[in-house]
Amino acid sequence: MITVVSGTNRKGSMTLQVSMLCEKILREKGEEVKLLDLSDLPHDFVFTALYGNKNADFEKIVEEYIYASSKMVILSPEYNGGFSGVLKAFIDGWNPKMLRGQKVAMVGVASGRSGNLRGLDYLTNVFHYMKLHVYPDKVPVSSVHTLGTAEGVHDEATKAVLEKMLSGFIAY
């Protein structure tokens, strides 16, 4: 199973729309896929699930979406030149020993023109530290606000780039 993670808890985000497009592309390629929207995390997970604390709802999400998957596609919006705090806190709740060798692909999402490449570099370092295998073809989706609406991404060039990257990731 491949898990697609929408790396923000902002409601109605374009990151979620691009995540849903990735999920759709993977399903059309015959893959079993689950989409995790970080806005569905328990609102207090940073205080109740990390650093030795227990939160059954958080642990169930991590088990179902992260540990049970064979691969992950992480979509990371740009937050202050990096990635979102909620994504960082979510990753901090993972046990790296449960993930050694797992494969992960990344898509950066930004209103600016770099498509969060800097944030993807930082996220790559985090995943390498955790001993995950990072797929080298990272897709920066820039000017995301011009590519679609709250109903979805309509830009054909973006769809084509994502389809090419995801096809390669399936074979990875």
C-alpha atoms as a PDB file:
ATOM      1  CA  MET A   1       0.000   0.000   0.000  1.00  0.00           C
ATOM      2  CA  ILE A   2       1.125   3.561  -0.747  1.00  0.00           C
ATOM      3  CA  THR A   3       0.204   6.337   1.659  1.00  0.00           C
ATOM      4  CA  VAL A   4      -0.168   9.873   0.325  1.00  0.00           C
ATOM      5  CA  VAL A   5       0.330  12.463   3.091  1.00  0.00           C
ATOM      6  CA  SER A   6      -1.037  15.976   2.671  1.00  0.00           C
ATOM      7  CA  GLY A   7       1.528  17.791   4.823  1.00  0.00           C
ATOM      8  CA  THR A   8      -0.571  20.603   6.266  1.00  0.00           C
ATOM      9  CA  ASN A   9      -3.495  20.898   8.619  1.00  0.00           C
ATOM     10  CA  ARG A  10      -4.800  23.996   6.834  1.00  0.00           C
ATOM     11  CA  LYS A  11      -8.389  23.372   5.766  1.00  0.00           C
ATOM     12  CA  GLY A  12      -9.136  23.723   2.061  1.00  0.00           C
ATOM     13  CA  SER A  13      -5.453  23.841   1.082  1.00  0.00           C
ATOM     14  CA  MET A  14      -4.123  23.435  -2.432  1.00  0.00           C
ATOM     15  CA  THR A  15      -1.707  20.900  -0.933  1.00  0.00           C
ATOM     16  CA  LEU A  16      -4.710  18.682  -0.258  1.00  0.00           C
ATOM     17  CA  GLN A  17      -5.907  19.170  -3.842  1.00  0.00           C
ATOM     18  CA  VAL A  18      -2.504  18.117  -5.233  1.00  0.00           C
ATOM     19  CA  SER A  19      -2.483  15.187  -2.770  1.00  0.00           C
ATOM     20  CA  MET A  20      -5.873  14.063  -4.042  1.00  0.00           C
ATOM     21  CA  LEU A  21      -4.551  14.252  -7.601  1.00  0.00           C
ATOM     22  CA  CYS A  22      -1.594  12.025  -6.614  1.00  0.00           C
ATOM     23  CA  GLU A  23      -3.988   9.569  -4.982  1.00  0.00           C
ATOM     24  CA  LYS A  24      -6.112   9.496  -8.133  1.00  0.00           C
ATOM     25  CA  ILE A  25      -3.102   8.930 -10.412  1.00  0.00           C
ATOM     26  CA  LEU A  26      -1.842   6.068  -8.234  1.00  0.00           C
ATOM     27  CA  ARG A  27      -5.294   4.423  -8.162  1.00  0.00           C
ATOM     28  CA  GLU A  28      -5.539   4.693 -11.948  1.00  0.00           C
ATOM     29  CA  LYS A  29      -2.212   2.834 -12.111  1.00  0.00           C
ATOM     30  CA  GLY A  30      -3.729  -0.003 -10.070  1.00  0.00           C
ATOM     31  CA  GLU A  31      -2.066   0.813  -6.748  1.00  0.00           C
ATOM     32  CA  GLU A  32      -3.689   0.400  -3.349  1.00  0.00           C
ATOM     33  CA  VAL A  33      -3.607   3.913  -1.866  1.00  0.00           C
ATOM     34  CA  LYS A  34      -4.615   5.699   1.320  1.00  0.00           C
ATOM     35  CA  LEU A  35      -4.707   9.472   1.666  1.00  0.00           C
ATOM     36  CA  LEU A  36      -3.876  11.040   5.015  1.00  0.00           C
ATOM     37  CA  ASP A  37      -4.921  14.657   5.491  1.00  0.00           C
ATOM     38  CA  LEU A  38      -3.004  16.020   8.493  1.00  0.00           C
ATOM     39  CA  SER A  39      -6.043  18.100   9.419  1.00  0.00           C
ATOM     40  CA  ASP A  40      -7.512  14.745  10.550  1.00  0.00           C
ATOM     41  CA  LEU A  41      -4.859  14.321  13.275  1.00  0.00           C
ATOM     42  CA  PRO A  42      -6.029  14.711  16.878  1.00  0.00           C
ATOM     43  CA  HIS A  43      -5.863  18.441  17.597  1.00  0.00           C
ATOM     44  CA  ASP A  44      -3.804  17.958  20.754  1.00  0.00           C
ATOM     45  CA  PHE A  45      -1.419  15.272  19.442  1.00  0.00           C
ATOM     46  CA  VAL A  46       1.699  17.365  20.049  1.00  0.00           C
ATOM     47  CA  PHE A  47       0.901  17.391  23.766  1.00  0.00           C
ATOM     48  CA  THR A  48      -0.652  13.951  24.126  1.00  0.00           C
ATOM     49  CA  ALA A  49       1.189  11.683  21.681  1.00  0.00           C
ATOM     50  CA  LEU A  50       4.846  12.697  21.514  1.00  0.00           C
ATOM     51  CA  TYR A  51       7.847  12.201  23.764  1.00  0.00           C
ATOM     52  CA  GLY A  52       6.632   9.179  25.681  1.00  0.00           C
ATOM     53  CA  ASN A  53       3.010  10.253  25.980  1.00  0.00           C
ATOM     54  CA  LYS A  54       0.267   7.980  24.651  1.00  0.00           C
ATOM     55  CA  ASN A  55      -2.667   8.911  22.451  1.00  0.00           C
ATOM     56  CA  ALA A  56      -4.588   5.941  21.063  1.00  0.00           C
ATOM     57  CA  ASP A  57      -6.094   7.933  18.179  1.00  0.00           C
ATOM     58  CA  PHE A  58      -2.676   9.194  17.055  1.00  0.00           C
ATOM     59  CA  GLU A  59      -1.083   5.761  17.395  1.00  0.00           C
ATOM     60  CA  LYS A  60      -3.881   4.209  15.309  1.00  0.00           C
ATOM     61  CA  ILE A  61      -3.306   6.768  12.525  1.00  0.00           C
ATOM     62  CA  VAL A  62       0.461   6.199  12.507  1.00  0.00           C
ATOM     63  CA  GLU A  63      -0.002   2.423  12.464  1.00  0.00           C
ATOM     64  CA  GLU A  64      -2.638   2.454   9.709  1.00  0.00           C
ATOM     65  CA  TYR A  65      -1.105   5.058   7.399  1.00  0.00           C
ATOM     66  CA  ILE A  66       2.636   5.026   8.079  1.00  0.00           C
ATOM     67  CA  TYR A  67       3.815   1.686   9.477  1.00  0.00           C
ATOM     68  CA  ALA A  68       1.395  -0.386   7.359  1.00  0.00           C
ATOM     69  CA  SER A  69       2.436   1.247   4.096  1.00  0.00           C
ATOM     70  CA  SER A  70       5.207   0.003   1.843  1.00  0.00           C
ATOM     71  CA  LYS A  71       5.794   3.444   0.337  1.00  0.00           C
ATOM     72  CA  MET A  72       4.826   7.040   1.083  1.00  0.00           C
ATOM     73  CA  VAL A  73       4.307  10.140  -1.026  1.00  0.00           C
ATOM     74  CA  ILE A  74       4.713  13.234   1.137  1.00  0.00           C
ATOM     75  CA  LEU A  75       3.334  16.529  -0.148  1.00  0.00           C
ATOM     76  CA  SER A  76       4.953  19.432   1.627  1.00  0.00           C
ATOM     77  CA  PRO A  77       3.734  22.993   1.376  1.00  0.00           C
ATOM     78  CA  GLU A  78       6.236  25.771   1.931  1.00  0.00           C
ATOM     79  CA  TYR A  79       6.178  27.318   5.373  1.00  0.00           C
ATOM     80  CA  ASN A  80       8.822  30.007   5.954  1.00  0.00           C
ATOM     81  CA  GLY A  81      11.270  28.412   3.529  1.00  0.00           C
ATOM     82  CA  GLY A  82      10.838  24.951   5.038  1.00  0.00           C
ATOM     83  CA  PHE A  83       7.952  22.630   5.734  1.00  0.00           C
ATOM     84  CA  SER A  84       4.989  22.849   8.069  1.00  0.00           C
ATOM     85  CA  GLY A  85       5.288  22.477  11.808  1.00  0.00           C
ATOM     86  CA  VAL A  86       2.433  19.986  11.874  1.00  0.00           C
ATOM     87  CA  LEU A  87       4.321  17.761   9.409  1.00  0.00           C
ATOM     88  CA  LYS A  88       7.474  17.974  11.546  1.00  0.00           C
ATOM     89  CA  ALA A  89       5.533  17.152  14.714  1.00  0.00           C
ATOM     90  CA  PHE A  90       3.782  14.273  12.922  1.00  0.00           C
ATOM     91  CA  ILE A  91       7.113  12.825  11.799  1.00  0.00           C
ATOM     92  CA  ASP A  92       8.469  13.229  15.341  1.00  0.00           C
ATOM     93  CA  GLY A  93       5.750  10.801  16.444  1.00  0.00           C
ATOM     94  CA  TRP A  94       7.089   7.996  14.221  1.00  0.00           C
ATOM     95  CA  ASN A  95       9.369   5.256  15.457  1.00  0.00           C
ATOM     96  CA  PRO A  96      12.200   5.208  12.882  1.00  0.00           C
ATOM     97  CA  LYS A  97      12.916   1.535  13.662  1.00  0.00           C
ATOM     98  CA  MET A  98       9.473   0.684  12.268  1.00  0.00           C
ATOM     99  CA  LEU A  99      10.329   2.391   8.970  1.00  0.00           C
ATOM    100  CA  ARG A 100      13.921   1.465   8.140  1.00  0.00           C
ATOM    101  CA  GLY A 101      14.272   1.065   4.423  1.00  0.00           C
ATOM    102  CA  GLN A 102      10.816   2.341   3.567  1.00  0.00           C
ATOM    103  CA  LYS A 103      10.624   4.306   0.330  1.00  0.00           C
ATOM    104  CA  VAL A 104       9.353   7.869   0.203  1.00  0.00           C
ATOM    105  CA  ALA A 105       8.705  10.302  -2.639  1.00  0.00           C
ATOM    106  CA  MET A 106       8.181  14.022  -2.153  1.00  0.00           C
ATOM    107  CA  VAL A 107       6.244  16.798  -3.831  1.00  0.00           C
ATOM    108  CA  GLY A 108       6.763  20.426  -2.856  1.00  0.00           C
ATOM    109  CA  VAL A 109       3.859  22.844  -3.064  1.00  0.00           C
ATOM    110  CA  ALA A 110       4.185  26.619  -3.005  1.00  0.00           C
ATOM    111  CA  SER A 111       2.648  29.821  -4.240  1.00  0.00           C
ATOM    112  CA  GLY A 112       6.130  31.037  -5.134  1.00  0.00           C
ATOM    113  CA  ARG A 113       8.223  29.879  -8.039  1.00  0.00           C
ATOM    114  CA  SER A 114      10.548  27.368  -6.366  1.00  0.00           C
ATOM    115  CA  GLY A 115       7.843  24.853  -5.397  1.00  0.00           C
ATOM    116  CA  ASN A 116       9.325  24.436  -1.903  1.00  0.00           C
ATOM    117  CA  LEU A 117      12.601  22.939  -3.090  1.00  0.00           C
ATOM    118  CA  ARG A 118      14.357  24.223   0.036  1.00  0.00           C
ATOM    119  CA  GLY A 119      11.772  22.541   2.254  1.00  0.00           C
ATOM    120  CA  LEU A 120      12.167  19.292   0.296  1.00  0.00           C
ATOM    121  CA  ASP A 121      15.931  19.443   0.849  1.00  0.00           C
ATOM    122  CA  TYR A 122      15.385  19.774   4.591  1.00  0.00           C
ATOM    123  CA  LEU A 123      12.800  16.992   4.574  1.00  0.00           C
ATOM    124  CA  THR A 124      15.246  14.791   2.625  1.00  0.00           C
ATOM    125  CA  ASN A 125      17.815  15.271   5.380  1.00  0.00           C
ATOM    126  CA  VAL A 126      15.246  14.287   8.018  1.00  0.00           C
ATOM    127  CA  PHE A 127      14.284  11.144   6.101  1.00  0.00           C
ATOM    128  CA  HIS A 128      17.913  10.179   5.483  1.00  0.00           C
ATOM    129  CA  TYR A 129      18.556  10.520   9.213  1.00  0.00           C
ATOM    130  CA  MET A 130      15.637   8.122   9.765  1.00  0.00           C
ATOM    131  CA  LYS A 131      17.205   5.729   7.200  1.00  0.00           C
ATOM    132  CA  LEU A 132      14.368   5.978   4.675  1.00  0.00           C
ATOM    133  CA  HIS A 133      15.021   5.630   0.944  1.00  0.00           C
ATOM    134  CA  VAL A 134      14.166   8.945  -0.722  1.00  0.00           C
ATOM    135  CA  TYR A 135      13.132   8.781  -4.369  1.00  0.00           C
ATOM    136  CA  PRO A 136      15.450  11.211  -6.175  1.00  0.00           C
ATOM    137  CA  ASP A 137      12.864  12.711  -8.573  1.00  0.00           C
ATOM    138  CA  LYS A 138      11.271  15.414  -6.411  1.00  0.00           C
ATOM    139  CA  VAL A 139       8.506  17.456  -7.995  1.00  0.00           C
ATOM    140  CA  PRO A 140       8.240  21.152  -7.129  1.00  0.00           C
ATOM    141  CA  VAL A 141       4.725  22.446  -7.794  1.00  0.00           C
ATOM    142  CA  SER A 142       5.027  26.214  -7.996  1.00  0.00           C
ATOM    143  CA  SER A 143       2.420  28.948  -8.408  1.00  0.00           C
ATOM    144  CA  VAL A 144      -0.036  26.395  -7.061  1.00  0.00           C
ATOM    145  CA  HIS A 145      -2.774  29.009  -6.682  1.00  0.00           C
ATOM    146  CA  THR A 146      -2.937  29.269 -10.503  1.00  0.00           C
ATOM    147  CA  LEU A 147      -3.217  25.519 -11.181  1.00  0.00           C
ATOM    148  CA  GLY A 148      -6.730  24.804 -10.009  1.00  0.00           C
ATOM    149  CA  THR A 149      -9.469  25.544  -7.546  1.00  0.00           C
ATOM    150  CA  ALA A 150     -10.787  24.121  -4.299  1.00  0.00           C
ATOM    151  CA  GLU A 151     -12.339  21.390  -6.462  1.00  0.00           C
ATOM    152  CA  GLY A 152      -8.985  20.198  -7.781  1.00  0.00           C
ATOM    153  CA  VAL A 153      -5.926  20.739  -9.933  1.00  0.00           C
ATOM    154  CA  HIS A 154      -6.773  21.391 -13.582  1.00  0.00           C
ATOM    155  CA  ASP A 155      -3.318  22.159 -15.013  1.00  0.00           C
ATOM    156  CA  GLU A 156      -2.405  19.457 -17.548  1.00  0.00           C
ATOM    157  CA  ALA A 157       1.368  20.070 -17.354  1.00  0.00           C
ATOM    158  CA  THR A 158       1.324  19.552 -13.572  1.00  0.00           C
ATOM    159  CA  LYS A 159      -0.724  16.387 -13.979  1.00  0.00           C
ATOM    160  CA  ALA A 160       1.770  15.060 -16.546  1.00  0.00           C
ATOM    161  CA  VAL A 161       4.809  15.766 -14.341  1.00  0.00           C
ATOM    162  CA  LEU A 162       3.164  14.094 -11.342  1.00  0.00           C
ATOM    163  CA  GLU A 163       2.128  11.100 -13.426  1.00  0.00           C
ATOM    164  CA  LYS A 164       5.686  10.643 -14.699  1.00  0.00           C
ATOM    165  CA  MET A 165       7.187  10.934 -11.203  1.00  0.00           C
ATOM    166  CA  LEU A 166       4.642   8.566  -9.643  1.00  0.00           C
ATOM    167  CA  SER A 167       5.168   5.986 -12.406  1.00  0.00           C
ATOM    168  CA  GLY A 168       8.870   6.010 -11.622  1.00  0.00           C
ATOM    169  CA  PHE A 169       8.205   5.799  -7.904  1.00  0.00           C
ATOM    170  CA  ILE A 170       5.963   2.750  -8.336  1.00  0.00           C
ATOM    171  CA  ALA A 171       8.866   0.978 -10.060  1.00  0.00           C
ATOM    172  CA  TYR A 172      11.409   2.201  -7.452  1.00  0.00           C
END
